[in-house]
Amino acid sequence: MYKVAVLTISDKCSQGKREDETGRIAQEIIKKLPGEVVKYEIIPDEPATIKARLIDYCDNLKVDLVLTDGGTGFTVRDNTPEATKAVIEKEVPGIPEAMRVACLASTKRAMLSRAVSGIRGRTLIVNLPGSTRGARESLEAILEGLPHGLDMIAGKEHR
């Protein structure tokens, strides 16, 4: 069972102006990994706050996987990719590429996602879109490949 943190990054959800459906969807889907969500938070789209949470989850909670949702678009308040890049040690471009390719079948807007993925220590961080449909389709697109990657990061035997 993999330890997972889900971090919803949304100004409106953090202020209670909107319910966080996307974070709940990520928590449900990740059970198929199999994964156990050991931390779930909703924060505003503030770069320093995002970085602090990612570092805490990786370095202190030592989760295997952090899933962020939100903040990957084009608006001035979309800071998740930059905050993620600031804390990772190795980028994993294939994960967001796979998500975008899978989601392009549903909507051409998938090409507008700026999501990134990378490794910090022994933790994989994956940015998901903030939309419920985008997050669901993206996570389902990569779910099958995650165990192998997580096992490699953890130093477990693999083929």
Foldseek 3Di string as FASTA:
>chain_A
DFEEEEEEEAPCCVVVNDPQPQSVLVCVVCVVLVYDYPYYDYYYLDLVVLLVVVCCCCPPVVTLEYEYEALFADDPSRCNQVSVVVQADFWDAVLLVQLLVQCVVVPVCSVRGNWTWHHHQLYIYTYFYRDNVRRNRSCVRCSVVVVQVSCVSVVHDDD
